[in-house]
Amino acid sequence: MTISPVSNFLSNKPMSVKVEQLTKSYGQQKAVDNISFSAEAGSILGFLGPNGAGKSTTMKVISCFIPPTAGNVSLCGYDVAVDPIQVRRNLGYLPEHNPLYLDMYVKESLSFIAGIHQIANKAQRINEVIELTGLGVEKHKKVGELSKGYRQRVGIAQAIIHDPKVLILDEPTSGLDPNQLIEIRNLIKELGKTKTVILSTHIMQEVEAICDKVVIINKGKIVADDTLKKIKEEYANQTLEGIFLSLTR
């Protein structure tokens, strides 16, 4: 049963990300099969699904890593197939396997990424991002010397250094201890006040704590798309974990 995205039509906020009838095939296999959903400005969308459901494929299409087979995807009004440079300028992306230069110092790595984006007032922006992500106490260390929690902070800092309007986070709290998890969760909530955040995770409590809307994908198709509140009401106020299991088993 697919839950209708009624909330999309009730909201007056602009949609930062629109996925319309997206299909992505690898040979005869459809990793994503004619899916549509949207994410609005100033909100956090939980993008959920079991392994192999099509989550990573969808995020790679949105972020211009791979082209769609069919359908349309736009970010901040730019089509991923027509204006990939503009899409990337408006997007920050933290993949599941956080790509970091371990031999660089924290400030050095941020300076390198800021240089790629040709950021004006680079030193000022680096200091702003270090303060926002809580990296101040570790900024003079090499990235390879940091704990996993701080490495995730560096990854998020790199993703937001150019102040993108949309942020995609793929399993940002995986493997963190409870204290680190809460710290990263609070950081994501803060970022969600001003940016569109798409959060992919297997931690249902994470989604219930910070997400405004939930999209669940299973076997390449959308099986739920609505606000967390409406999805719970539809399923007699079950836990999100229970709803997820009933829709994806």
Protein backbone atom coordinates (compact mmCIF):
# COMPACT_ATOMS: atom_id res chain seq x y z
CA MET A 1 0.00 0.00 0.00
CA THR A 2 1.41 3.38 -1.01
CA ILE A 3 0.53 6.32 1.18
CA SER A 4 -0.46 9.35 -0.86
CA PRO A 5 1.80 12.38 -0.42
CA VAL A 6 -1.08 14.65 0.57
CA SER A 7 1.27 16.96 2.49
CA ASN A 8 2.99 18.00 -0.75
CA PHE A 9 -0.17 19.67 -1.96
CA LEU A 10 -0.92 21.36 1.35
CA SER A 11 2.49 22.95 1.79
CA ASN A 12 3.31 26.38 0.39
CA LYS A 13 7.04 25.82 0.69
CA PRO A 14 9.01 25.47 -2.56
CA MET A 15 10.23 22.00 -3.46
CA SER A 16 14.02 21.89 -3.57
CA VAL A 17 14.19 18.35 -4.92
CA LYS A 18 11.71 16.83 -7.36
CA VAL A 19 11.91 13.24 -8.56
CA GLU A 20 9.34 12.52 -11.26
CA GLN A 21 8.77 9.04 -12.73
CA LEU A 22 12.43 8.16 -12.26
CA THR A 23 13.63 4.83 -13.62
CA LYS A 24 17.20 3.58 -13.49
CA SER A 25 18.03 0.28 -15.17
CA TYR A 26 21.18 -1.78 -15.29
CA GLY A 27 20.68 -4.00 -18.31
CA GLN A 28 17.40 -5.82 -17.74
CA GLN A 29 17.31 -5.06 -14.03
CA LYS A 30 15.41 -2.00 -12.78
CA ALA A 31 17.12 -0.68 -9.66
CA VAL A 32 14.55 2.14 -9.48
CA ASP A 33 11.16 1.70 -11.12
CA ASN A 34 9.10 4.80 -12.00
CA ILE A 35 9.31 6.58 -8.63
CA SER A 36 8.20 10.10 -7.75
CA PHE A 37 8.67 12.14 -4.57
CA SER A 38 9.79 15.60 -3.49
CA ALA A 39 11.60 17.35 -0.65
CA GLU A 40 10.77 20.88 0.39
CA ALA A 41 13.01 23.71 1.55
CA GLY A 42 13.76 23.90 5.26
CA SER A 43 12.82 20.31 6.05
CA ILE A 44 14.40 16.92 6.73
CA LEU A 45 13.22 13.97 4.66
CA GLY A 46 13.94 10.44 5.82
CA PHE A 47 14.65 8.23 2.80
CA LEU A 48 14.31 4.62 3.94
CA GLY A 49 14.46 1.14 2.51
CA PRO A 50 16.12 -2.24 2.97
CA ASN A 51 19.49 -2.97 1.39
CA GLY A 52 19.20 -3.18 -2.38
CA ALA A 53 15.90 -1.28 -2.47
CA GLY A 54 17.20 1.55 -4.69
CA LYS A 55 18.10 4.23 -2.13
CA SER A 56 21.74 4.69 -3.12
CA THR A 57 20.88 4.57 -6.82
CA THR A 58 18.29 7.34 -6.34
CA MET A 59 20.73 9.51 -4.39
CA LYS A 60 23.41 9.00 -7.03
CA VAL A 61 21.01 10.17 -9.73
CA ILE A 62 19.99 13.24 -7.70
CA SER A 63 23.65 14.11 -7.14
CA CYS A 64 24.63 13.60 -10.81
CA PHE A 65 26.90 10.60 -10.20
CA ILE A 66 24.87 8.47 -12.62
CA PRO A 67 22.30 9.45 -15.29
CA PRO A 68 18.64 8.40 -15.13
CA THR A 69 17.33 5.87 -17.63
CA ALA A 70 13.95 7.63 -17.75
CA GLY A 71 12.06 10.34 -15.89
CA ASN A 72 13.07 13.75 -14.58
CA VAL A 73 15.01 14.85 -11.51
CA SER A 74 15.55 18.48 -10.56
CA LEU A 75 17.32 20.21 -7.69
CA CYS A 76 16.61 23.88 -6.94
CA GLY A 77 14.99 24.08 -10.37
CA TYR A 78 17.96 22.64 -12.26
CA ASP A 79 17.58 19.41 -14.21
CA VAL A 80 20.28 16.88 -13.29
CA ALA A 81 20.66 15.84 -16.93
CA VAL A 82 20.71 19.37 -18.39
CA ASP A 83 22.44 21.49 -15.70
CA PRO A 84 24.66 19.13 -13.64
CA ILE A 85 27.12 21.91 -12.75
CA GLN A 86 24.35 24.06 -11.25
CA VAL A 87 22.98 21.03 -9.41
CA ARG A 88 26.38 20.38 -7.84
CA ARG A 89 26.74 24.03 -6.82
CA ASN A 90 23.52 23.76 -4.84
CA LEU A 91 24.17 20.31 -3.39
CA GLY A 92 26.21 18.95 -0.50
CA TYR A 93 26.61 15.16 -0.43
CA LEU A 94 27.97 12.91 2.31
CA PRO A 95 28.13 9.33 0.96
CA GLU A 96 27.95 6.30 3.24
CA HIS A 97 31.69 5.68 2.98
CA ASN A 98 32.97 9.11 3.96
CA PRO A 99 35.80 9.99 1.49
CA LEU A 100 38.48 11.86 3.44
CA TYR A 101 42.14 12.65 2.97
CA LEU A 102 43.48 11.10 6.17
CA ASP A 103 46.97 12.65 5.90
CA MET A 104 45.60 16.19 5.74
CA TYR A 105 44.97 18.34 8.79
CA VAL A 106 41.34 19.28 9.41
CA LYS A 107 41.74 22.93 8.39
CA GLU A 108 43.92 21.91 5.45
CA SER A 109 41.29 19.50 4.13
CA LEU A 110 38.56 22.12 4.42
CA SER A 111 40.78 24.66 2.67
CA PHE A 112 41.32 22.18 -0.16
CA ILE A 113 37.57 21.61 -0.63
CA ALA A 114 36.85 25.35 -0.34
CA GLY A 115 39.42 25.97 -3.06
CA ILE A 116 37.69 23.51 -5.38
CA HIS A 117 34.46 25.46 -4.89
CA GLN A 118 36.30 28.77 -5.43
CA ILE A 119 34.82 30.22 -2.26
CA ALA A 120 35.39 33.90 -1.60
CA ASN A 121 36.58 34.78 1.92
CA LYS A 122 37.77 31.20 2.26
CA ALA A 123 39.37 31.58 5.71
CA GLN A 124 36.21 33.15 7.16
CA ARG A 125 33.98 30.42 5.74
CA ILE A 126 36.26 27.66 7.06
CA ASN A 127 36.09 29.16 10.55
CA GLU A 128 32.29 29.41 10.32
CA VAL A 129 31.96 25.76 9.30
CA ILE A 130 34.40 24.59 11.99
CA GLU A 131 32.31 26.37 14.62
CA LEU A 132 29.03 25.04 13.22
CA THR A 133 30.21 21.42 13.14
CA GLY A 134 32.02 21.54 16.50
CA LEU A 135 35.45 20.82 15.05
CA GLY A 136 37.25 23.59 16.92
CA VAL A 137 38.98 21.34 19.45
CA GLU A 138 40.28 19.04 16.68
CA LYS A 139 41.02 21.50 13.87
CA HIS A 140 44.81 21.18 14.16
CA LYS A 141 44.83 17.37 14.06
CA LYS A 142 45.26 15.16 11.03
CA VAL A 143 41.96 13.68 9.84
CA GLY A 144 43.40 10.18 10.27
CA GLU A 145 43.90 10.85 14.00
CA LEU A 146 40.24 11.67 14.62
CA SER A 147 37.55 9.43 16.09
CA LYS A 148 34.80 8.24 13.74
CA GLY A 149 32.42 10.85 15.15
CA TYR A 150 34.79 13.68 14.34
CA ARG A 151 35.53 12.23 10.93
CA GLN A 152 31.80 12.38 10.23
CA ARG A 153 31.87 16.02 11.29
CA VAL A 154 34.67 16.66 8.81
CA GLY A 155 32.63 14.96 6.08
CA ILE A 156 29.60 17.12 6.89
CA ALA A 157 31.82 20.23 7.03
CA GLN A 158 33.16 19.44 3.56
CA ALA A 159 29.61 18.89 2.30
CA ILE A 160 28.40 22.30 3.55
CA ILE A 161 31.53 24.40 3.00
CA HIS A 162 30.00 26.01 -0.13
CA ASP A 163 26.70 26.66 1.69
CA PRO A 164 24.50 24.43 -0.50
CA LYS A 165 20.72 24.63 -0.40
CA VAL A 166 20.31 20.84 -0.42
CA LEU A 167 22.19 18.31 1.71
CA ILE A 168 22.12 14.54 1.10
CA LEU A 169 23.40 12.41 3.98
CA ASP A 170 23.80 8.66 3.49
CA GLU A 171 24.04 6.78 6.81
CA PRO A 172 25.72 9.71 8.62
CA THR A 173 25.48 8.12 12.09
CA SER A 174 26.44 4.54 11.22
CA GLY A 175 28.91 3.10 13.72
CA LEU A 176 28.82 6.03 16.13
CA ASP A 177 28.58 5.62 19.89
CA PRO A 178 25.46 7.04 21.64
CA ASN A 179 27.11 10.35 22.54
CA GLN A 180 28.45 10.89 19.03
CA LEU A 181 25.09 9.89 17.56
CA ILE A 182 23.24 12.51 19.58
CA GLU A 183 25.79 15.19 18.62
CA ILE A 184 25.52 14.44 14.89
CA ARG A 185 21.73 14.23 15.18
CA ASN A 186 21.60 17.70 16.74
CA LEU A 187 23.88 19.04 14.00
CA ILE A 188 21.58 17.62 11.31
CA LYS A 189 18.53 19.16 13.01
CA GLU A 190 20.27 22.53 13.04
CA LEU A 191 21.18 22.25 9.35
CA GLY A 192 17.59 21.26 8.54
CA LYS A 193 16.33 24.64 9.72
CA THR A 194 17.79 26.40 6.69
CA LYS A 195 18.49 23.63 4.16
CA THR A 196 16.66 20.78 2.50
CA VAL A 197 18.10 17.62 4.03
CA ILE A 198 17.61 14.12 2.62
CA LEU A 199 18.67 11.59 5.24
CA SER A 200 19.14 7.92 4.39
CA THR A 201 19.49 5.64 7.40
CA HIS A 202 18.54 2.24 8.81
CA ILE A 203 18.09 3.69 12.29
CA MET A 204 14.35 4.21 12.72
CA GLN A 205 14.76 6.11 16.00
CA GLU A 206 16.91 8.60 14.12
CA VAL A 207 14.13 9.25 11.63
CA GLU A 208 11.48 9.59 14.34
CA ALA A 209 13.68 12.06 16.20
CA ILE A 210 14.52 14.48 13.40
CA CYS A 211 12.56 13.91 10.16
CA ASP A 212 9.51 15.87 9.03
CA LYS A 213 8.62 13.53 6.17
CA VAL A 214 9.34 9.92 5.28
CA VAL A 215 9.72 8.15 1.96
CA ILE A 216 10.08 4.35 2.00
CA ILE A 217 11.32 2.50 -1.07
CA ASN A 218 11.17 -1.27 -1.54
CA LYS A 219 12.30 -3.28 -4.56
CA GLY A 220 12.69 -0.10 -6.56
CA LYS A 221 9.18 1.26 -5.86
CA ILE A 222 7.85 3.84 -3.40
CA VAL A 223 5.63 2.17 -0.78
CA ALA A 224 5.13 5.17 1.54
CA ASP A 225 5.44 8.94 1.08
CA ASP A 226 4.01 11.37 3.62
CA THR A 227 4.67 13.19 6.86
CA LEU A 228 5.74 10.98 9.73
CA LYS A 229 2.59 11.92 11.62
CA LYS A 230 0.25 10.90 8.78
CA ILE A 231 2.07 7.64 8.16
CA LYS A 232 1.72 6.71 11.83
CA GLU A 233 -1.97 7.64 11.81
CA GLU A 234 -2.48 5.44 8.72
CA TYR A 235 -1.00 2.49 10.59
CA ALA A 236 -2.79 3.00 13.91
CA ASN A 237 0.19 4.73 15.52
CA GLN A 238 2.57 1.80 15.19
CA THR A 239 6.26 2.49 15.60
CA LEU A 240 8.05 3.48 12.42
CA GLU A 241 10.07 0.27 12.72
CA GLY A 242 6.87 -1.80 12.70
CA ILE A 243 5.50 0.12 9.72
CA PHE A 244 8.79 -0.28 7.86
CA LEU A 245 8.81 -4.04 8.43
CA SER A 246 5.20 -4.44 7.29
CA LEU A 247 5.88 -2.55 4.07
CA THR A 248 9.21 -4.13 3.12
CA ARG A 249 9.00 -7.79 4.14
